[in-house]
Amino acid sequence: MKLRQLLPLLGLLAVVAGAQPGTGLVDAARGPVAVDKLTDPPRLANAINDDVRRPRNYDMQPPTIPHRVDGYQIDKNFNKCLDCHARAKTEFSLAIPVSPTHYLDRAGKVLPQVSTRRYFCMQCHVPQDPAQPIVGNAFEGVAAPTGK
């Protein structure tokens, strides 16, 4: 390992080693519990399942999933999401169709099926959970361009 790679680790070790047990070294993600103490993981809540489309926070943000996806099979052989969201099935399912961008290959050629580059939906799209943020967030999106 190069020294440049070791420096962040050495800095972290210096901070942790310098703290005596019970001195209260805390991490915002852990809450008020000191780093050297065990914590109980937060309880899992039921995923939001209201089928309400959420507003996006910034341009080009992938939309969130407004329903439960527990147990959905998404692997190289099958994609459960496409049972409803494939363009050929949305008339029956009334689901939002997969974006036309998901049917393009790297060269921009239109494909008859979802591109393998966009096949694993939950790499970008996430289901909603009624969890509170563990750290503060003051993010403000940029207003949409006016086209002037």
Protein backbone atom coordinates (compact mmCIF):
# COMPACT_ATOMS: atom_id res chain seq x y z
CA MET A 1 0.00 0.00 0.00
CA LYS A 2 1.31 3.45 -0.85
CA LEU A 3 1.76 6.12 1.79
CA ARG A 4 -0.83 8.31 0.07
CA GLN A 5 -3.41 5.55 0.58
CA LEU A 6 -2.40 5.07 4.22
CA LEU A 7 -2.69 8.73 5.28
CA PRO A 8 -6.50 8.79 5.72
CA LEU A 9 -6.37 5.53 7.66
CA LEU A 10 -3.55 6.82 9.87
CA GLY A 11 -5.53 10.00 10.55
CA LEU A 12 -8.59 8.01 11.58
CA LEU A 13 -6.50 5.78 13.82
CA ALA A 14 -4.95 8.82 15.47
CA VAL A 15 -8.39 10.24 16.26
CA VAL A 16 -9.75 6.95 17.61
CA ALA A 17 -6.54 6.08 19.50
CA GLY A 18 -6.48 9.52 21.10
CA ALA A 19 -9.97 9.09 22.51
CA GLN A 20 -10.22 7.28 25.81
CA PRO A 21 -13.15 4.86 26.19
CA GLY A 22 -16.22 6.71 27.35
CA THR A 23 -14.94 10.16 26.36
CA GLY A 24 -17.90 10.68 24.07
CA LEU A 25 -16.36 10.59 20.58
CA VAL A 26 -19.56 10.48 18.52
CA ASP A 27 -20.57 10.20 14.90
CA ALA A 28 -23.68 12.01 13.65
CA ALA A 29 -24.92 8.88 11.87
CA ARG A 30 -24.88 6.93 15.16
CA GLY A 31 -26.74 9.53 17.19
CA PRO A 32 -25.70 10.27 20.77
CA VAL A 33 -24.01 6.87 21.25
CA ALA A 34 -20.21 7.01 21.51
CA VAL A 35 -18.21 5.29 18.77
CA ASP A 36 -16.81 2.67 21.15
CA LYS A 37 -20.32 1.51 22.23
CA LEU A 38 -22.64 -0.92 20.45
CA THR A 39 -25.96 0.33 19.11
CA ASP A 40 -29.17 -1.38 18.13
CA PRO A 41 -29.95 -1.10 14.43
CA PRO A 42 -33.10 0.86 13.58
CA ARG A 43 -36.22 -1.25 13.13
CA LEU A 44 -37.31 -1.88 9.58
CA ALA A 45 -40.56 -0.14 8.72
CA ASN A 46 -43.05 -1.06 6.03
CA ALA A 47 -42.12 0.42 2.68
CA ILE A 48 -44.37 3.17 1.38
CA ASN A 49 -46.93 1.58 -0.91
CA ASP A 50 -49.22 4.43 -2.00
CA ASP A 51 -48.45 4.61 -5.75
CA VAL A 52 -48.05 8.40 -5.49
CA ARG A 53 -45.43 9.87 -7.80
CA ARG A 54 -42.94 11.95 -5.81
CA PRO A 55 -41.52 15.22 -7.15
CA ARG A 56 -37.89 15.12 -8.22
CA ASN A 57 -35.29 17.22 -6.40
CA TYR A 58 -33.07 17.96 -9.38
CA ASP A 59 -32.97 17.71 -13.15
CA MET A 60 -32.40 14.17 -14.47
CA GLN A 61 -33.05 12.54 -11.07
CA PRO A 62 -34.38 9.00 -11.54
CA PRO A 63 -37.96 8.75 -10.25
CA THR A 64 -38.45 6.87 -7.00
CA ILE A 65 -40.48 3.65 -6.79
CA PRO A 66 -43.88 4.39 -5.17
CA HIS A 67 -44.74 0.79 -4.28
CA ARG A 68 -43.27 -2.25 -2.53
CA VAL A 69 -40.67 -4.28 -4.40
CA ASP A 70 -39.85 -6.85 -1.70
CA GLY A 71 -38.95 -10.14 -3.31
CA TYR A 72 -38.88 -8.82 -6.89
CA GLN A 73 -36.66 -11.01 -9.04
CA ILE A 74 -34.25 -8.88 -11.02
CA ASP A 75 -31.38 -10.89 -12.40
CA LYS A 76 -29.84 -11.75 -15.77
CA ASN A 77 -32.73 -14.13 -16.54
CA PHE A 78 -35.77 -12.12 -15.45
CA ASN A 79 -36.85 -8.59 -14.46
CA LYS A 80 -40.11 -8.42 -12.48
CA CYS A 81 -40.39 -4.65 -13.04
CA LEU A 82 -40.91 -5.21 -16.76
CA ASP A 83 -44.06 -7.26 -16.08
CA CYS A 84 -45.85 -3.92 -15.67
CA HIS A 85 -43.50 -1.20 -16.89
CA ALA A 86 -42.42 -2.60 -20.28
CA ARG A 87 -43.89 -0.40 -23.01
CA ALA A 88 -45.84 -3.34 -24.47
CA LYS A 89 -47.59 -3.98 -21.12
CA THR A 90 -48.44 -0.51 -19.80
CA GLU A 91 -51.80 -0.27 -21.59
CA PHE A 92 -53.01 -3.22 -19.52
CA SER A 93 -51.14 -2.49 -16.27
CA LEU A 94 -51.60 1.32 -16.36
CA ALA A 95 -48.05 1.62 -14.97
CA ILE A 96 -45.66 4.39 -16.02
CA PRO A 97 -43.76 3.06 -19.05
CA VAL A 98 -39.98 2.68 -19.01
CA SER A 99 -38.34 5.81 -20.41
CA PRO A 100 -37.40 5.70 -24.10
CA THR A 101 -33.79 6.34 -23.02
CA HIS A 102 -33.72 2.83 -21.52
CA TYR A 103 -34.18 1.35 -25.01
CA LEU A 104 -30.97 2.87 -26.45
CA ASP A 105 -27.60 1.15 -26.69
CA ARG A 106 -24.26 2.98 -26.30
CA ALA A 107 -24.27 4.05 -29.93
CA GLY A 108 -27.77 5.53 -29.61
CA LYS A 109 -29.42 2.74 -31.64
CA VAL A 110 -33.02 2.00 -30.62
CA LEU A 111 -33.43 -1.56 -29.31
CA PRO A 112 -36.63 -3.67 -29.26
CA GLN A 113 -36.06 -4.46 -25.54
CA VAL A 114 -34.63 -2.61 -22.55
CA SER A 115 -30.89 -2.11 -22.93
CA THR A 116 -28.69 -4.29 -20.76
CA ARG A 117 -27.15 -1.02 -19.52
CA ARG A 118 -30.53 -0.07 -17.98
CA TYR A 119 -31.84 -3.54 -17.07
CA PHE A 120 -31.16 -3.54 -13.30
CA CYS A 121 -33.72 -0.93 -12.26
CA MET A 122 -32.81 -0.58 -8.60
CA GLN A 123 -29.31 0.63 -9.37
CA CYS A 124 -30.93 4.04 -9.94
CA HIS A 125 -34.57 3.80 -8.82
CA VAL A 126 -35.21 3.26 -5.12
CA PRO A 127 -38.34 2.40 -3.14
CA GLN A 128 -39.48 4.86 -0.49
CA ASP A 129 -39.13 4.14 3.21
CA PRO A 130 -40.76 6.20 5.98
CA ALA A 131 -37.40 6.70 7.73
CA GLN A 132 -36.30 10.04 9.08
CA PRO A 133 -32.92 11.37 7.86
CA ILE A 134 -30.07 10.53 10.25
CA VAL A 135 -28.22 13.76 9.50
CA GLY A 136 -29.47 17.19 8.51
CA ASN A 137 -29.79 18.16 4.87
CA ALA A 138 -30.20 21.68 3.52
CA PHE A 139 -30.08 20.72 -0.18
CA GLU A 140 -31.93 23.11 -2.49
CA GLY A 141 -32.42 22.19 -6.12
CA VAL A 142 -31.64 24.61 -8.93
CA ALA A 143 -34.61 26.15 -10.70
CA ALA A 144 -35.34 24.69 -14.12
CA PRO A 145 -33.69 26.56 -17.02
CA THR A 146 -35.92 29.17 -18.62
CA GLY A 147 -34.66 28.54 -22.15
CA LYS A 148 -33.58 32.13 -22.83
